PDB file of N, CA and C in Angstrom:
ATOM      1  N   MET A   1       0.820  -1.245  -0.182  1.00  0.00           N
ATOM      2  CA  MET A   1       0.078  -0.118  -0.191  1.00  0.00           C
ATOM      3  C   MET A   1       0.977   1.314   0.159  1.00  0.00           C
ATOM      4  N   LEU A   2       1.688   1.536   1.109  1.00  0.00           N
ATOM      5  CA  LEU A   2       2.579   2.488   1.111  1.00  0.00           C
ATOM      6  C   LEU A   2       3.500   2.589  -0.143  1.00  0.00           C
ATOM      7  N   VAL A   3       3.903   1.239  -0.203  1.00  0.00           N
ATOM      8  CA  VAL A   3       4.864   1.399  -1.785  1.00  0.00           C
ATOM      9  C   VAL A   3       4.227   1.678  -3.020  1.00  0.00           C
ATOM     10  N   ASP A   4       3.026   1.224  -3.159  1.00  0.00           N
ATOM     11  CA  ASP A   4       2.156   1.392  -4.266  1.00  0.00           C
ATOM     12  C   ASP A   4       1.676   2.896  -4.278  1.00  0.00           C
ATOM     13  N   GLN A   5       1.428   3.522  -3.465  1.00  0.00           N
ATOM     14  CA  GLN A   5       1.322   5.165  -3.088  1.00  0.00           C
ATOM     15  C   GLN A   5       2.472   5.733  -3.212  1.00  0.00           C
ATOM     16  N   LYS A   6       4.046   5.055  -3.420  1.00  0.00           N
ATOM     17  CA  LYS A   6       5.088   6.045  -3.531  1.00  0.00           C
ATOM     18  C   LYS A   6       5.275   6.511  -1.878  1.00  0.00           C
ATOM     19  N   GLN A   7       4.694   6.089  -0.952  1.00  0.00           N
ATOM     20  CA  GLN A   7       4.990   7.154   0.101  1.00  0.00           C
ATOM     21  C   GLN A   7       6.324   6.382   0.756  1.00  0.00           C
ATOM     22  N   ILE A   8       6.689   5.138   0.457  1.00  0.00           N
ATOM     23  CA  ILE A   8       7.877   4.594   0.983  1.00  0.00           C
ATOM     24  C   ILE A   8       8.650   4.052  -0.341  1.00  0.00           C
ATOM     25  N   LYS A   9       9.567   3.870   0.078  1.00  0.00           N
ATOM     26  CA  LYS A   9      10.540   2.953  -1.127  1.00  0.00           C
ATOM     27  C   LYS A   9      11.188   1.686  -0.309  1.00  0.00           C
ATOM     28  N   LEU A  10      11.554   0.701  -0.977  1.00  0.00           N
ATOM     29  CA  LEU A  10      12.024  -0.460  -0.529  1.00  0.00           C
ATOM     30  C   LEU A  10      13.533  -0.394  -0.851  1.00  0.00           C
ATOM     31  N   ILE A  11      14.273  -1.202  -0.125  1.00  0.00           N
ATOM     32  CA  ILE A  11      15.585  -1.263  -0.287  1.00  0.00           C
ATOM     33  C   ILE A  11      15.801  -1.729  -1.523  1.00  0.00           C
ATOM     34  N   ALA A  12      17.035  -1.371  -1.795  1.00  0.00           N
ATOM     35  CA  ALA A  12      18.131  -1.609  -3.041  1.00  0.00           C
ATOM     36  C   ALA A  12      18.386  -3.259  -2.853  1.00  0.00           C
ATOM     37  N   ALA A  13      18.105  -3.986  -4.013  1.00  0.00           N
ATOM     38  CA  ALA A  13      18.696  -5.241  -4.231  1.00  0.00           C
ATOM     39  C   ALA A  13      19.062  -5.549  -5.653  1.00  0.00           C
ATOM     40  N   PRO A  14      19.771  -6.572  -5.717  1.00  0.00           N
ATOM     41  CA  PRO A  14      20.190  -6.974  -7.273  1.00  0.00           C
ATOM     42  C   PRO A  14      19.254  -7.131  -8.292  1.00  0.00           C
ATOM     43  N   ARG A  15      19.486  -6.709  -9.462  1.00  0.00           N
ATOM     44  CA  ARG A  15      18.543  -7.008 -10.780  1.00  0.00           C
ATOM     45  C   ARG A  15      17.458  -8.182 -10.500  1.00  0.00           C
ATOM     46  N   THR A  16      18.093  -9.380 -10.103  1.00  0.00           N
ATOM     47  CA  THR A  16      17.836 -10.747 -10.270  1.00  0.00           C
ATOM     48  C   THR A  16      16.738 -11.094  -8.928  1.00  0.00           C
ATOM     49  N   LEU A  17      16.949 -10.241  -8.167  1.00  0.00           N
ATOM     50  CA  LEU A  17      16.239 -10.472  -6.869  1.00  0.00           C
ATOM     51  C   LEU A  17      15.269  -9.339  -6.406  1.00  0.00           C
ATOM     52  N   SER A  18      13.859  -9.836  -5.921  1.00  0.00           N
ATOM     53  CA  SER A  18      13.191  -9.052  -5.368  1.00  0.00           C
ATOM     54  C   SER A  18      13.649  -8.358  -3.756  1.00  0.00           C
ATOM     55  N   PRO A  19      13.435  -6.960  -3.525  1.00  0.00           N
ATOM     56  CA  PRO A  19      13.664  -6.660  -2.310  1.00  0.00           C
ATOM     57  C   PRO A  19      12.647  -7.082  -1.602  1.00  0.00           C
ATOM     58  N   PRO A  20      13.581  -7.476   0.024  1.00  0.00           N
ATOM     59  CA  PRO A  20      12.227  -7.700   0.742  1.00  0.00           C
ATOM     60  C   PRO A  20      11.533  -6.369   0.884  1.00  0.00           C
ATOM     61  N   SER A  21      10.275  -6.464   1.279  1.00  0.00           N
ATOM     62  CA  SER A  21       9.459  -5.308   2.175  1.00  0.00           C
ATOM     63  C   SER A  21       9.328  -5.253   3.497  1.00  0.00           C
ATOM     64  N   HIS A  22       8.861  -6.654   4.048  1.00  0.00           N
ATOM     65  CA  HIS A  22       8.547  -6.774   5.666  1.00  0.00           C
ATOM     66  C   HIS A  22       8.647  -8.305   5.993  1.00  0.00           C
ATOM     67  N   VAL A  23       8.567  -8.673   6.994  1.00  0.00           N
ATOM     68  CA  VAL A  23       8.716 -10.046   7.486  1.00  0.00           C
ATOM     69  C   VAL A  23       7.889 -10.232   8.931  1.00  0.00           C
ATOM     70  N   LEU A  24       6.938 -11.028   8.530  1.00  0.00           N
ATOM     71  CA  LEU A  24       5.880 -10.940   9.828  1.00  0.00           C
ATOM     72  C   LEU A  24       6.183 -12.495  10.579  1.00  0.00           C
ATOM     73  N   PHE A  25       6.255 -12.335  11.585  1.00  0.00           N
ATOM     74  CA  PHE A  25       6.388 -13.614  12.565  1.00  0.00           C
ATOM     75  C   PHE A  25       5.729 -13.411  14.090  1.00  0.00           C
ATOM     76  N   ALA A  26       4.649 -14.219  14.494  1.00  0.00           N
ATOM     77  CA  ALA A  26       4.389 -14.040  15.844  1.00  0.00           C
ATOM     78  C   ALA A  26       3.410 -12.420  15.989  1.00  0.00           C
ATOM     79  N   ASP A  27       4.544 -11.879  16.927  1.00  0.00           N
ATOM     80  CA  ASP A  27       4.021 -10.549  17.061  1.00  0.00           C
ATOM     81  C   ASP A  27       5.063  -9.474  16.621  1.00  0.00           C
ATOM     82  N   ASP A  28       6.201  -9.931  15.861  1.00  0.00           N
ATOM     83  CA  ASP A  28       7.348  -8.951  15.402  1.00  0.00           C
ATOM     84  C   ASP A  28       7.046  -8.635  14.125  1.00  0.00           C
ATOM     85  N   VAL A  29       7.051  -7.785  13.573  1.00  0.00           N
ATOM     86  CA  VAL A  29       7.183  -7.166  12.283  1.00  0.00           C
ATOM     87  C   VAL A  29       9.039  -6.602  12.135  1.00  0.00           C
ATOM     88  N   MET A  30       9.222  -6.817  10.910  1.00  0.00           N
ATOM     89  CA  MET A  30      10.648  -6.362  10.505  1.00  0.00           C
ATOM     90  C   MET A  30       9.906  -5.699   8.724  1.00  0.00           C
ATOM     91  N   VAL A  31      10.300  -4.372   8.861  1.00  0.00           N
ATOM     92  CA  VAL A  31       9.928  -3.667   7.334  1.00  0.00           C
ATOM     93  C   VAL A  31      11.085  -3.139   7.386  1.00  0.00           C
ATOM     94  N   PHE A  32      11.659  -3.370   5.972  1.00  0.00           N
ATOM     95  CA  PHE A  32      12.700  -3.042   5.273  1.00  0.00           C
ATOM     96  C   PHE A  32      12.283  -1.951   4.347  1.00  0.00           C
ATOM     97  N   LEU A  33      12.868  -0.576   4.154  1.00  0.00           N
ATOM     98  CA  LEU A  33      12.726   0.595   3.064  1.00  0.00           C
ATOM     99  C   LEU A  33      13.876   1.197   3.220  1.00  0.00           C
ATOM    100  N   GLN A  34      14.052   2.138   2.292  1.00  0.00           N
ATOM    101  CA  GLN A  34      15.255   3.138   2.294  1.00  0.00           C
ATOM    102  C   GLN A  34      15.192   4.068   3.214  1.00  0.00           C
ATOM    103  N   GLY A  35      16.123   4.541   3.478  1.00  0.00           N
ATOM    104  CA  GLY A  35      16.390   5.444   4.840  1.00  0.00           C
ATOM    105  C   GLY A  35      15.786   6.812   4.517  1.00  0.00           C
ATOM    106  N   ASP A  36      15.314   7.164   3.926  1.00  0.00           N
ATOM    107  CA  ASP A  36      14.967   8.670   3.926  1.00  0.00           C
ATOM    108  C   ASP A  36      14.298   9.129   4.761  1.00  0.00           C
ATOM    109  N   VAL A  37      13.891  10.157   5.579  1.00  0.00           N
ATOM    110  CA  VAL A  37      13.354  10.778   6.739  1.00  0.00           C
ATOM    111  C   VAL A  37      11.738  10.321   6.132  1.00  0.00           C
ATOM    112  N   SER A  38      11.409  11.005   5.071  1.00  0.00           N
ATOM    113  CA  SER A  38      10.064  11.045   4.992  1.00  0.00           C
ATOM    114  C   SER A  38       9.575   9.663   4.708  1.00  0.00           C
ATOM    115  N   TYR A  39      10.245   8.810   4.212  1.00  0.00           N
ATOM    116  CA  TYR A  39       9.917   7.634   4.217  1.00  0.00           C
ATOM    117  C   TYR A  39       9.580   6.830   5.828  1.00  0.00           C
ATOM    118  N   LEU A  40      10.610   6.987   6.680  1.00  0.00           N
ATOM    119  CA  LEU A  40      10.181   6.964   7.888  1.00  0.00           C
ATOM    120  C   LEU A  40       8.874   7.376   8.583  1.00  0.00           C
ATOM    121  N   ARG A  41       8.822   8.778   8.385  1.00  0.00           N
ATOM    122  CA  ARG A  41       7.906   9.420   8.813  1.00  0.00           C
ATOM    123  C   ARG A  41       6.546   8.977   8.310  1.00  0.00           C
ATOM    124  N   ALA A  42       6.639   8.463   6.999  1.00  0.00           N
ATOM    125  CA  ALA A  42       5.087   7.825   6.358  1.00  0.00           C
ATOM    126  C   ALA A  42       5.031   6.469   7.026  1.00  0.00           C
ATOM    127  N   LEU A  43       5.655   5.663   7.494  1.00  0.00           N
ATOM    128  CA  LEU A  43       5.707   4.685   7.964  1.00  0.00           C
ATOM    129  C   LEU A  43       4.913   4.425   9.392  1.00  0.00           C
ATOM    130  N   MET A  44       5.728   5.599  10.351  1.00  0.00           N
ATOM    131  CA  MET A  44       5.376   5.788  11.559  1.00  0.00           C
ATOM    132  C   MET A  44       3.979   6.470  11.584  1.00  0.00           C
ATOM    133  N   SER A  45       3.506   7.061  10.427  1.00  0.00           N
ATOM    134  CA  SER A  45       2.242   7.431  10.343  1.00  0.00           C
ATOM    135  C   SER A  45       1.103   6.354   9.969  1.00  0.00           C
ATOM    136  N   PHE A  46       1.606   5.724   9.169  1.00  0.00           N
ATOM    137  CA  PHE A  46       0.575   4.327   8.982  1.00  0.00           C
ATOM    138  C   PHE A  46       0.759   3.584  10.312  1.00  0.00           C
ATOM    139  N   MET A  47       1.855   3.204  11.241  1.00  0.00           N
ATOM    140  CA  MET A  47       1.669   2.330  12.440  1.00  0.00           C
ATOM    141  C   MET A  47       0.728   3.175  13.061  1.00  0.00           C
ATOM    142  N   LYS A  48       0.783   4.445  13.244  1.00  0.00           N
ATOM    143  CA  LYS A  48      -0.075   5.142  14.500  1.00  0.00           C
ATOM    144  C   LYS A  48      -1.532   5.436  13.604  1.00  0.00           C
ATOM    145  N   GLU A  49      -2.061   5.308  12.648  1.00  0.00           N
ATOM    146  CA  GLU A  49      -3.336   5.109  11.934  1.00  0.00           C
ATOM    147  C   GLU A  49      -3.634   3.506  12.486  1.00  0.00           C
ATOM    148  N   TYR A  50      -2.604   2.383  12.285  1.00  0.00           N
ATOM    149  CA  TYR A  50      -3.127   1.007  12.223  1.00  0.00           C
ATOM    150  C   TYR A  50      -3.382   1.020  14.044  1.00  0.00           C
ATOM    151  N   ALA A  51      -2.639   1.852  14.924  1.00  0.00           N
ATOM    152  CA  ALA A  51      -3.037   1.896  16.125  1.00  0.00           C
ATOM    153  C   ALA A  51      -4.320   2.006  16.498  1.00  0.00           C
ATOM    154  N   GLN A  52      -4.507   2.988  15.967  1.00  0.00           N
ATOM    155  CA  GLN A  52      -6.148   4.239  16.184  1.00  0.00           C
ATOM    156  C   GLN A  52      -7.218   3.010  15.726  1.00  0.00           C
ATOM    157  N   ASN A  53      -7.323   2.435  14.701  1.00  0.00           N
ATOM    158  CA  ASN A  53      -8.186   1.532  14.136  1.00  0.00           C
ATOM    159  C   ASN A  53      -8.018  -0.159  15.013  1.00  0.00           C
ATOM    160  N   SER A  54      -7.082  -0.594  15.147  1.00  0.00           N
ATOM    161  CA  SER A  54      -6.613  -2.097  15.931  1.00  0.00           C
ATOM    162  C   SER A  54      -6.986  -2.184  17.258  1.00  0.00           C
ATOM    163  N   GLY A  55      -6.062  -0.954  18.061  1.00  0.00           N
ATOM    164  CA  GLY A  55      -5.941  -1.217  19.372  1.00  0.00           C
ATOM    165  C   GLY A  55      -4.652  -1.826  19.603  1.00  0.00           C
ATOM    166  N   GLN A  56      -3.868  -2.044  18.299  1.00  0.00           N
ATOM    167  CA  GLN A  56      -2.551  -2.615  18.928  1.00  0.00           C
ATOM    168  C   GLN A  56      -1.615  -1.212  18.515  1.00  0.00           C
ATOM    169  N   GLU A  57      -0.686  -1.138  19.373  1.00  0.00           N
ATOM    170  CA  GLU A  57       0.297  -0.285  19.194  1.00  0.00           C
ATOM    171  C   GLU A  57       1.737  -0.669  19.267  1.00  0.00           C
ATOM    172  N   VAL A  58       2.735   0.022  18.486  1.00  0.00           N
ATOM    173  CA  VAL A  58       3.823  -0.257  18.406  1.00  0.00           C
ATOM    174  C   VAL A  58       4.783  -0.028  19.993  1.00  0.00           C
ATOM    175  N   ASN A  59       5.536  -0.902  20.163  1.00  0.00           N
ATOM    176  CA  ASN A  59       5.948  -0.792  21.643  1.00  0.00           C
ATOM    177  C   ASN A  59       7.550  -0.228  21.398  1.00  0.00           C
ATOM    178  N   LYS A  60       7.476   1.012  21.355  1.00  0.00           N
ATOM    179  CA  LYS A  60       8.874   1.844  21.174  1.00  0.00           C
ATOM    180  C   LYS A  60      10.164   1.443  21.960  1.00  0.00           C
ATOM    181  N   GLU A  61       9.971   0.938  23.075  1.00  0.00           N
ATOM    182  CA  GLU A  61      10.767   0.257  23.723  1.00  0.00           C
ATOM    183  C   GLU A  61      11.534  -0.558  23.491  1.00  0.00           C
ATOM    184  N   LYS A  62      10.528  -1.792  22.818  1.00  0.00           N
ATOM    185  CA  LYS A  62      10.895  -3.296  22.168  1.00  0.00           C
ATOM    186  C   LYS A  62      11.709  -2.929  20.959  1.00  0.00           C
ATOM    187  N   SER A  63      11.614  -1.767  20.384  1.00  0.00           N
ATOM    188  CA  SER A  63      11.692  -1.531  18.878  1.00  0.00           C
ATOM    189  C   SER A  63      13.181  -0.862  18.514  1.00  0.00           C
ATOM    190  N   LEU A  64      13.423  -1.679  17.467  1.00  0.00           N
ATOM    191  CA  LEU A  64      15.204  -0.933  16.899  1.00  0.00           C
ATOM    192  C   LEU A  64      15.050  -0.462  15.412  1.00  0.00           C
ATOM    193  N   LEU A  65      15.745   0.364  15.156  1.00  0.00           N
ATOM    194  CA  LEU A  65      15.941   1.022  13.994  1.00  0.00           C
ATOM    195  C   LEU A  65      17.073   0.501  13.351  1.00  0.00           C
ATOM    196  N   PHE A  66      17.677   0.219  12.134  1.00  0.00           N
ATOM    197  CA  PHE A  66      18.980  -0.448  11.710  1.00  0.00           C
ATOM    198  C   PHE A  66      19.260   0.674  10.437  1.00  0.00           C
ATOM    199  N   LEU A  67      20.185   1.455  10.531  1.00  0.00           N
ATOM    200  CA  LEU A  67      19.800   2.863   9.696  1.00  0.00           C
ATOM    201  C   LEU A  67      21.215   2.382   8.643  1.00  0.00           C
ATOM    202  N   GLY A  68      21.741   1.284   8.591  1.00  0.00           N
ATOM    203  CA  GLY A  68      22.801   1.179   7.420  1.00  0.00           C
ATOM    204  C   GLY A  68      24.186   2.301   7.547  1.00  0.00           C
ATOM    205  N   LYS A  69      24.180   3.039   6.567  1.00  0.00           N
ATOM    206  CA  LYS A  69      25.201   3.899   6.515  1.00  0.00           C
ATOM    207  C   LYS A  69      24.907   5.207   6.827  1.00  0.00           C
ATOM    208  N   PHE A  70      23.787   5.410   7.496  1.00  0.00           N
ATOM    209  CA  PHE A  70      23.418   6.917   7.981  1.00  0.00           C
ATOM    210  C   PHE A  70      24.378   7.250   8.531  1.00  0.00           C
ATOM    211  N   ALA A  71      25.189   8.791   8.730  1.00  0.00           N
ATOM    212  CA  ALA A  71      25.772   9.379   9.429  1.00  0.00           C
ATOM    213  C   ALA A  71      25.075   9.589  10.821  1.00  0.00           C
ATOM    214  N   VAL A  72      26.220   9.473  11.712  1.00  0.00           N
ATOM    215  CA  VAL A  72      25.717   9.469  13.369  1.00  0.00           C
ATOM    216  C   VAL A  72      25.010  10.416  13.578  1.00  0.00           C
ATOM    217  N   PRO A  73      25.165  11.524  13.290  1.00  0.00           N
ATOM    218  CA  PRO A  73      24.145  13.000  13.384  1.00  0.00           C
ATOM    219  C   PRO A  73      22.676  12.586  12.954  1.00  0.00           C
ATOM    220  N   TRP A  74      22.603  12.289  11.938  1.00  0.00           N
ATOM    221  CA  TRP A  74      21.281  11.866  11.215  1.00  0.00           C
ATOM    222  C   TRP A  74      20.556  10.582  12.037  1.00  0.00           C
ATOM    223  N   GLN A  75      21.399   9.626  12.419  1.00  0.00           N
ATOM    224  CA  GLN A  75      20.843   8.560  13.144  1.00  0.00           C
ATOM    225  C   GLN A  75      20.302   9.037  14.681  1.00  0.00           C
ATOM    226  N   ASN A  76      21.131  10.207  14.999  1.00  0.00           N
ATOM    227  CA  ASN A  76      20.485  10.628  16.283  1.00  0.00           C
ATOM    228  C   ASN A  76      19.339  11.262  16.421  1.00  0.00           C
ATOM    229  N   GLU A  77      19.060  12.379  15.245  1.00  0.00           N
ATOM    230  CA  GLU A  77      17.958  12.962  14.769  1.00  0.00           C
ATOM    231  C   GLU A  77      17.085  12.248  14.368  1.00  0.00           C
ATOM    232  N   ILE A  78      17.076  10.798  14.018  1.00  0.00           N
ATOM    233  CA  ILE A  78      16.064  10.005  13.326  1.00  0.00           C
ATOM    234  C   ILE A  78      15.587   9.384  14.791  1.00  0.00           C
ATOM    235  N   GLN A  79      16.568   9.129  15.542  1.00  0.00           N
ATOM    236  CA  GLN A  79      16.154   8.283  16.732  1.00  0.00           C
ATOM    237  C   GLN A  79      15.279   9.429  17.747  1.00  0.00           C
ATOM    238  N   ARG A  80      15.560  10.741  17.967  1.00  0.00           N
ATOM    239  CA  ARG A  80      14.888  11.732  18.601  1.00  0.00           C
ATOM    240  C   ARG A  80      13.403  11.723  17.933  1.00  0.00           C
ATOM    241  N   GLU A  81      13.459  12.119  16.602  1.00  0.00           N
ATOM    242  CA  GLU A  81      12.187  12.231  16.125  1.00  0.00           C
ATOM    243  C   GLU A  81      11.345  11.259  16.217  1.00  0.00           C
ATOM    244  N   LEU A  82      11.686   9.831  16.162  1.00  0.00           N
ATOM    245  CA  LEU A  82      10.722   8.450  16.091  1.00  0.00           C
ATOM    246  C   LEU A  82      10.628   8.251  17.437  1.00  0.00           C
ATOM    247  N   GLY A  83      11.496   8.269  18.315  1.00  0.00           N
ATOM    248  CA  GLY A  83      11.234   7.899  19.596  1.00  0.00           C
ATOM    249  C   GLY A  83      11.592   6.395  19.786  1.00  0.00           C
ATOM    250  N   ILE A  84      12.686   5.714  18.771  1.00  0.00           N
ATOM    251  CA  ILE A  84      13.138   4.513  18.845  1.00  0.00           C
ATOM    252  C   ILE A  84      14.623   4.535  18.951  1.00  0.00           C
ATOM    253  N   ASN A  85      14.951   3.565  19.508  1.00  0.00           N
ATOM    254  CA  ASN A  85      16.533   3.267  19.536  1.00  0.00           C
ATOM    255  C   ASN A  85      17.178   2.774  18.405  1.00  0.00           C
ATOM    256  N   VAL A  86      18.580   3.000  17.840  1.00  0.00           N
ATOM    257  CA  VAL A  86      19.102   2.789  16.976  1.00  0.00           C
ATOM    258  C   VAL A  86      19.788   1.380  17.376  1.00  0.00           C
ATOM    259  N   GLY A  87      19.558   0.433  16.421  1.00  0.00           N
ATOM    260  CA  GLY A  87      20.492  -0.787  16.638  1.00  0.00           C
ATOM    261  C   GLY A  87      21.661  -1.012  15.608  1.00  0.00           C
ATOM    262  N   SER A  88      22.531  -1.787  16.081  1.00  0.00           N
ATOM    263  CA  SER A  88      23.383  -2.232  15.069  1.00  0.00           C
ATOM    264  C   SER A  88      23.581  -3.936  14.455  1.00  0.00           C
ATOM    265  N   LEU A  89      23.743  -3.949  13.048  1.00  0.00           N
ATOM    266  CA  LEU A  89      24.357  -4.802  12.383  1.00  0.00           C
ATOM    267  C   LEU A  89      25.805  -5.444  12.716  1.00  0.00           C
ATOM    268  N   PRO A  90      25.956  -6.907  12.860  1.00  0.00           N
ATOM    269  CA  PRO A  90      25.214  -7.883  12.832  1.00  0.00           C
ATOM    270  C   PRO A  90      24.344  -8.432  14.021  1.00  0.00           C
ATOM    271  N   PHE A  91      22.919  -8.650  13.865  1.00  0.00           N
ATOM    272  CA  PHE A  91      22.235  -9.182  15.218  1.00  0.00           C
ATOM    273  C   PHE A  91      21.667 -10.436  14.533  1.00  0.00           C
ATOM    274  N   THR A  92      21.050 -11.271  15.666  1.00  0.00           N
ATOM    275  CA  THR A  92      20.631 -12.338  15.810  1.00  0.00           C
ATOM    276  C   THR A  92      18.890 -12.464  15.778  1.00  0.00           C
ATOM    277  N   TYR A  93      18.096 -13.259  14.693  1.00  0.00           N
ATOM    278  CA  TYR A  93      16.714 -12.705  15.033  1.00  0.00           C
ATOM    279  C   TYR A  93      16.103 -14.114  14.662  1.00  0.00           C
ATOM    280  N   LEU A  94      15.503 -15.100  15.708  1.00  0.00           N
ATOM    281  CA  LEU A  94      14.984 -16.411  15.869  1.00  0.00           C
ATOM    282  C   LEU A  94      16.154 -17.083  15.641  1.00  0.00           C
ATOM    283  N   GLY A  95      17.669 -16.957  15.971  1.00  0.00           N
ATOM    284  CA  GLY A  95      18.913 -17.860  15.826  1.00  0.00           C
ATOM    285  C   GLY A  95      19.440 -17.674  14.343  1.00  0.00           C
ATOM    286  N   VAL A  96      18.817 -16.952  13.535  1.00  0.00           N
ATOM    287  CA  VAL A  96      19.424 -16.249  12.378  1.00  0.00           C
ATOM    288  C   VAL A  96      20.162 -15.062  12.042  1.00  0.00           C
ATOM    289  N   PRO A  97      21.202 -15.171  11.717  1.00  0.00           N
ATOM    290  CA  PRO A  97      21.843 -14.073  11.579  1.00  0.00           C
ATOM    291  C   PRO A  97      21.486 -12.727  10.733  1.00  0.00           C
ATOM    292  N   ILE A  98      21.273 -11.718  10.983  1.00  0.00           N
ATOM    293  CA  ILE A  98      20.833 -10.800   9.942  1.00  0.00           C
ATOM    294  C   ILE A  98      22.257  -9.500   9.867  1.00  0.00           C
ATOM    295  N   PHE A  99      22.674  -9.534   8.657  1.00  0.00           N
ATOM    296  CA  PHE A  99      23.896  -8.750   8.246  1.00  0.00           C
ATOM    297  C   PHE A  99      23.352  -8.344   7.101  1.00  0.00           C
ATOM    298  N   GLN A 100      24.835  -7.408   6.824  1.00  0.00           N
ATOM    299  CA  GLN A 100      24.445  -6.505   5.515  1.00  0.00           C
ATOM    300  C   GLN A 100      26.022  -6.938   5.023  1.00  0.00           C
ATOM    301  N   GLY A 101      26.024  -7.262   3.494  1.00  0.00           N
ATOM    302  CA  GLY A 101      27.209  -7.395   2.882  1.00  0.00           C
ATOM    303  C   GLY A 101      27.483  -8.729   2.671  1.00  0.00           C
ATOM    304  N   ARG A 102      28.791  -9.421   2.806  1.00  0.00           N
ATOM    305  CA  ARG A 102      28.882 -11.057   2.211  1.00  0.00           C
ATOM    306  C   ARG A 102      28.945 -11.429   3.678  1.00  0.00           C
ATOM    307  N   PRO A 103      28.787 -12.762   3.714  1.00  0.00           N
ATOM    308  CA  PRO A 103      27.996 -13.609   4.782  1.00  0.00           C
ATOM    309  C   PRO A 103      29.456 -13.878   5.333  1.00  0.00           C
ATOM    310  N   LYS A 104      29.691 -13.986   6.480  1.00  0.00           N
ATOM    311  CA  LYS A 104      31.223 -14.617   7.579  1.00  0.00           C
ATOM    312  C   LYS A 104      30.853 -15.563   8.336  1.00  0.00           C
ATOM    313  N   THR A 105      32.208 -16.363   8.229  1.00  0.00           N
ATOM    314  CA  THR A 105      31.919 -17.820   8.940  1.00  0.00           C
ATOM    315  C   THR A 105      31.158 -17.566  10.326  1.00  0.00           C
ATOM    316  N   GLU A 106      31.909 -16.663  10.926  1.00  0.00           N
ATOM    317  CA  GLU A 106      31.468 -16.225  12.496  1.00  0.00           C
ATOM    318  C   GLU A 106      30.055 -15.966  12.528  1.00  0.00           C
ATOM    319  N   PHE A 107      29.282 -15.598  11.678  1.00  0.00           N
ATOM    320  CA  PHE A 107      27.619 -15.262  11.618  1.00  0.00           C
ATOM    321  C   PHE A 107      26.975 -16.661  11.928  1.00  0.00           C
ATOM    322  N   PHE A 108      27.582 -17.804  11.437  1.00  0.00           N
ATOM    323  CA  PHE A 108      26.645 -19.029  11.181  1.00  0.00           C
ATOM    324  C   PHE A 108      27.565 -19.989  12.154  1.00  0.00           C
ATOM    325  N   LEU A 109      28.833 -19.609  13.003  1.00  0.00           N
ATOM    326  CA  LEU A 109      29.188 -20.797  13.925  1.00  0.00           C
ATOM    327  C   LEU A 109      28.126 -21.261  14.339  1.00  0.00           C
ATOM    328  N   PRO A 110      26.981 -20.192  15.274  1.00  0.00           N
ATOM    329  CA  PRO A 110      26.053 -20.875  16.258  1.00  0.00           C
ATOM    330  C   PRO A 110      25.217 -21.855  15.724  1.00  0.00           C
ATOM    331  N   ILE A 111      24.615 -21.661  14.536  1.00  0.00           N
ATOM    332  CA  ILE A 111      23.650 -22.664  13.685  1.00  0.00           C
ATOM    333  C   ILE A 111      24.310 -23.986  13.296  1.00  0.00           C
ATOM    334  N   ALA A 112      25.921 -23.653  12.993  1.00  0.00           N
ATOM    335  CA  ALA A 112      26.820 -25.277  12.939  1.00  0.00           C
ATOM    336  C   ALA A 112      27.022 -26.068  14.004  1.00  0.00           C
ATOM    337  N   ASP A 113      27.109 -25.246  15.300  1.00  0.00           N
ATOM    338  CA  ASP A 113      27.302 -25.980  16.554  1.00  0.00           C
ATOM    339  C   ASP A 113      25.927 -26.588  16.938  1.00  0.00           C
ATOM    340  N   LYS A 114      25.038 -25.900  16.772  1.00  0.00           N
ATOM    341  CA  LYS A 114      23.754 -26.641  17.133  1.00  0.00           C
ATOM    342  C   LYS A 114      23.607 -28.025  16.273  1.00  0.00           C
ATOM    343  N   VAL A 115      23.617 -27.632  15.304  1.00  0.00           N
ATOM    344  CA  VAL A 115      23.308 -28.920  13.880  1.00  0.00           C
ATOM    345  C   VAL A 115      24.541 -29.911  14.320  1.00  0.00           C
ATOM    346  N   ASN A 116      25.854 -30.084  14.788  1.00  0.00           N
ATOM    347  CA  ASN A 116      26.663 -30.779  15.099  1.00  0.00           C
ATOM    348  C   ASN A 116      26.355 -31.306  16.285  1.00  0.00           C
ATOM    349  N   ALA A 117      25.810 -30.466  17.321  1.00  0.00           N
ATOM    350  CA  ALA A 117      25.525 -31.087  18.482  1.00  0.00           C
ATOM    351  C   ALA A 117      24.382 -32.233  18.364  1.00  0.00           C
ATOM    352  N   SER A 118      23.771 -32.244  17.665  1.00  0.00           N
ATOM    353  CA  SER A 118      22.437 -33.147  17.592  1.00  0.00           C
ATOM    354  C   SER A 118      22.815 -34.299  16.638  1.00  0.00           C
TER     355      SER A 118
END
């Protein structure tokens, strides 16, 4: 909806791949979009409207923004404006490494250890 209306723009991906827009699991939501401040505002406006209509609100204390290559002053400004803390890559989500760039062996060692232990 927001993409179709050009209110947000998805992250870039190689031509042979479709960029992800979102991942939903249980009560977790991951949204991937280009880091323009206007896109972030549009997303937050959508979330606010969703909360008003559903009664379900985003818990900003449990939320994180991953802003890629944004300069630190911009990250601080976005964090203040949205009231959401900034996280850093790599991190693990449901046991899966989330990272930017080429995979590194160290990202996957915990998974390999679990497979080898069973």
